[in-house]
Structure formats: structure tokens, C-alpha cells
């Protein structure tokens, strides 16, 4: 994957995540910090940071439960450890932060 392809795919995924968070958690503070960094602050003050990492060609997620790396494989972003799809994994992590089920959709 070229750098340009990565930037387009990662930028699209981050924009979709931002829209999904705003739709699913209207009370969360969702902000774009600089180029390629999304910060979500939950009602309890905890934060999740999602960013693109160009050198590794990955999207990185920092959450209360740890750090996760996602690589584009086939047609989806997949966790490099367990193969979980990005939106499903971030939904699970956001649910832990929010203390209630959160379902994020790429649509």
C-alpha cells in the first residue's frame, strides 16, 4: 500500500468513526486533534484516542483497557492481534468507557 492509499483509507476510517461516535454518543466530547488524531472524552472523563500511524500503515487505538493496532487487510481494518474488525473492536472498547452498550456503524 502506498502512503497516499494509506492516507486516504485511514482518513476515511477516522472520519467515519467521528460520525459514528457523534451519532451513537451525543453526550461524548468528540474532537479532531491535529491531522489524523481523534479524541473521544466520555461522561466519566475517561478518553479514547484513535490515530493513524503512517510509518506502520496502521490505525492505533488507545483505550482504558490498552493499546490496539489495526492494519488494512482485504477490505477492512483488522486488529493485528486477534483480527477483530475496527468498528466492532472500537464499539466494544467504547462500551467499556461508557458503561453501556455502544454500537458504532461505518455507514
Protein backbone atom coordinates (compact mmCIF):
# COMPACT_ATOMS: atom_id res chain seq x y z
CA UNK A 1 0.00 0.00 0.00
CA UNK A 2 1.35 3.39 -0.94
CA UNK A 3 1.46 6.28 1.50
CA UNK A 4 -1.27 8.04 -0.46
CA UNK A 5 -3.53 4.96 -0.37
CA UNK A 6 -2.94 4.62 3.36
CA UNK A 7 -3.73 8.30 4.00
CA UNK A 8 -6.98 8.04 2.01
CA UNK A 9 -8.11 4.81 3.70
CA UNK A 10 -7.11 5.88 7.21
CA UNK A 11 -8.58 9.36 6.77
CA UNK A 12 -11.86 7.83 5.61
CA UNK A 13 -11.94 5.45 8.56
CA UNK A 14 -11.25 8.23 11.08
CA UNK A 15 -13.95 10.45 9.55
CA UNK A 16 -16.42 7.54 9.66
CA UNK A 17 -15.51 6.85 13.30
CA UNK A 18 -16.04 10.51 14.19
CA UNK A 19 -19.51 10.48 12.58
CA UNK A 20 -20.35 7.16 14.26
CA UNK A 21 -19.33 8.44 17.71
CA UNK A 22 -21.34 11.63 17.26
CA UNK A 23 -24.42 9.60 16.28
CA UNK A 24 -24.09 6.90 18.95
CA UNK A 25 -22.84 9.03 21.88
CA UNK A 26 -24.15 12.59 21.57
CA UNK A 27 -23.00 13.38 25.14
CA UNK A 28 -19.38 12.40 24.45
CA UNK A 29 -16.90 15.10 23.50
CA UNK A 30 -15.50 14.08 20.11
CA UNK A 31 -12.67 16.21 18.75
CA UNK A 32 -10.19 16.06 15.92
CA UNK A 33 -6.76 16.90 17.27
CA UNK A 34 -4.32 17.82 14.54
CA UNK A 35 -4.01 15.72 11.44
CA UNK A 36 -5.20 12.16 11.89
CA UNK A 37 -5.99 12.15 15.61
CA UNK A 38 -9.45 11.63 17.06
CA UNK A 39 -10.02 12.13 20.79
CA UNK A 40 -13.21 10.96 22.48
CA UNK A 41 -13.90 12.04 26.05
CA UNK A 42 -16.65 10.13 27.82
CA UNK A 43 -19.01 11.44 30.52
CA UNK A 44 -16.82 9.97 33.29
CA UNK A 45 -13.78 11.90 31.99
CA UNK A 46 -12.03 8.87 30.50
CA UNK A 47 -10.64 9.22 26.99
CA UNK A 48 -10.04 7.12 23.93
CA UNK A 49 -7.51 8.27 21.34
CA UNK A 50 -7.62 6.97 17.77
CA UNK A 51 -4.90 7.95 15.32
CA UNK A 52 -3.28 6.94 12.11
CA UNK A 53 0.34 5.84 12.23
CA UNK A 54 1.85 6.37 8.79
CA UNK A 55 5.18 4.64 9.35
CA UNK A 56 3.45 1.37 10.32
CA UNK A 57 0.48 1.93 7.94
CA UNK A 58 -1.85 1.27 10.88
CA UNK A 59 -4.62 2.89 12.87
CA UNK A 60 -3.82 2.90 16.57
CA UNK A 61 -6.38 2.97 19.38
CA UNK A 62 -5.54 3.86 22.97
CA UNK A 63 -8.29 2.96 25.42
CA UNK A 64 -8.69 2.32 29.13
CA UNK A 65 -8.02 -1.38 28.54
CA UNK A 66 -4.85 -0.91 26.49
CA UNK A 67 -3.45 -0.14 23.05
CA UNK A 68 -4.57 -1.73 19.80
CA UNK A 69 -3.20 -1.65 16.26
CA UNK A 70 -5.29 -2.11 13.12
CA UNK A 71 -3.93 -2.89 9.66
CA UNK A 72 -5.89 -2.75 6.42
CA UNK A 73 -6.39 -6.30 5.16
CA UNK A 74 -8.55 -7.09 2.17
CA UNK A 75 -11.30 -4.53 2.56
CA UNK A 76 -11.33 -3.90 6.34
CA UNK A 77 -9.15 -2.60 9.14
CA UNK A 78 -8.25 -5.59 11.34
CA UNK A 79 -6.66 -5.84 14.79
CA UNK A 80 -3.13 -7.14 14.37
CA UNK A 81 -3.56 -9.44 17.40
CA UNK A 82 -6.96 -11.08 17.08
CA UNK A 83 -8.24 -9.99 13.66
CA UNK A 84 -11.23 -8.08 15.06
CA UNK A 85 -12.72 -5.52 12.68
CA UNK A 86 -12.07 -1.87 13.63
CA UNK A 87 -15.66 -0.70 14.20
CA UNK A 88 -16.60 -3.82 16.16
CA UNK A 89 -13.50 -3.52 18.35
CA UNK A 90 -13.92 0.21 18.95
CA UNK A 91 -17.61 -0.37 19.78
CA UNK A 92 -16.55 -2.88 22.43
CA UNK A 93 -13.92 -0.52 23.85
CA UNK A 94 -16.32 2.45 23.84
CA UNK A 95 -18.91 0.34 25.66
CA UNK A 96 -16.38 -0.24 28.44
CA UNK A 97 -15.73 3.51 28.70
CA UNK A 98 -19.41 4.48 28.51
CA UNK A 99 -20.64 1.79 30.90
CA UNK A 100 -23.39 0.92 28.43
CA UNK A 101 -23.59 -0.77 25.03
CA UNK A 102 -22.24 1.36 22.20
CA UNK A 103 -22.64 0.25 18.60
CA UNK A 104 -20.67 2.18 16.02
CA UNK A 105 -21.56 1.78 12.38
CA UNK A 106 -19.37 2.62 9.40
CA UNK A 107 -22.44 3.66 7.39
